[in-house]
């Protein structure tokens, strides 16, 4: 079972990629499939939720997430 890594103050390490066009979406997913993540942002659940509207988000331990995955986070 996949489980997000939770850090101090209920923060998650995230890799945020642009979803402004299909090319960027494909590039991000191709990187992630190849295991190339850049978990360089520490974000709380609300911040991740706001980003999901216009971006792809991978959370350390879960990889790419969607709204359903987000609801499972603390």
Protein backbone atom coordinates (compact mmCIF):
# COMPACT_ATOMS: atom_id res chain seq x y z
CA UNK A 1 0.00 0.00 0.00
CA UNK A 2 1.29 3.43 -0.94
CA UNK A 3 1.52 5.95 1.87
CA UNK A 4 2.51 9.61 1.75
CA UNK A 5 5.52 10.63 3.80
CA UNK A 6 4.36 13.16 6.36
CA UNK A 7 6.84 15.70 7.72
CA UNK A 8 6.68 18.13 10.63
CA UNK A 9 3.69 20.47 10.79
CA UNK A 10 1.62 18.18 8.50
CA UNK A 11 3.69 18.99 5.42
CA UNK A 12 4.35 16.78 2.41
CA UNK A 13 7.28 16.92 -0.01
CA UNK A 14 5.87 17.57 -3.46
CA UNK A 15 6.98 17.71 -7.07
CA UNK A 16 4.79 20.21 -8.92
CA UNK A 17 4.62 20.23 -12.70
CA UNK A 18 2.74 22.47 -15.09
CA UNK A 19 -0.39 21.10 -16.74
CA UNK A 20 -0.96 24.05 -19.05
CA UNK A 21 -0.79 21.91 -22.18
CA UNK A 22 -0.63 18.27 -23.25
CA UNK A 23 3.08 18.38 -24.01
CA UNK A 24 3.94 19.46 -20.46
CA UNK A 25 1.60 16.84 -18.99
CA UNK A 26 3.22 14.09 -21.09
CA UNK A 27 6.71 15.31 -20.18
CA UNK A 28 5.93 15.31 -16.45
CA UNK A 29 4.34 11.87 -16.49
CA UNK A 30 7.19 10.47 -18.58
CA UNK A 31 9.68 11.77 -15.99
CA UNK A 32 7.67 10.29 -13.16
CA UNK A 33 7.29 6.90 -14.87
CA UNK A 34 11.08 6.86 -15.17
CA UNK A 35 11.40 7.62 -11.44
CA UNK A 36 12.58 11.18 -11.94
CA UNK A 37 10.99 13.19 -9.13
CA UNK A 38 12.00 16.53 -7.66
CA UNK A 39 10.35 16.68 -4.24
CA UNK A 40 11.50 20.23 -3.60
CA UNK A 41 8.37 21.84 -2.15
CA UNK A 42 6.99 21.31 1.37
CA UNK A 43 3.23 21.88 1.26
CA UNK A 44 0.19 21.33 3.46
CA UNK A 45 -2.92 19.56 2.21
CA UNK A 46 -4.76 22.82 1.44
CA UNK A 47 -1.86 24.12 -0.65
CA UNK A 48 -1.76 20.87 -2.61
CA UNK A 49 -5.51 21.08 -3.20
CA UNK A 50 -5.18 24.59 -4.65
CA UNK A 51 -2.38 23.47 -6.96
CA UNK A 52 -4.30 20.48 -8.36
CA UNK A 53 -6.59 22.81 -10.29
CA UNK A 54 -3.86 23.81 -12.76
CA UNK A 55 -0.92 21.51 -12.06
CA UNK A 56 0.16 17.92 -11.73
CA UNK A 57 1.34 17.08 -8.22
CA UNK A 58 3.39 14.13 -7.01
CA UNK A 59 3.65 13.56 -3.26
CA UNK A 60 6.59 11.63 -1.86
CA UNK A 61 5.39 8.10 -1.17
CA UNK A 62 2.29 8.40 -3.37
CA UNK A 63 3.68 9.58 -6.69
CA UNK A 64 1.13 11.51 -8.78
CA UNK A 65 -2.05 12.27 -6.85
CA UNK A 66 -5.59 13.31 -7.69
CA UNK A 67 -8.52 14.65 -5.64
CA UNK A 68 -9.38 11.17 -4.33
CA UNK A 69 -5.81 10.63 -3.09
CA UNK A 70 -5.79 14.09 -1.55
CA UNK A 71 -8.83 13.26 0.58
CA UNK A 72 -6.85 10.41 2.17
CA UNK A 73 -4.10 12.72 3.40
CA UNK A 74 -4.11 14.04 6.96
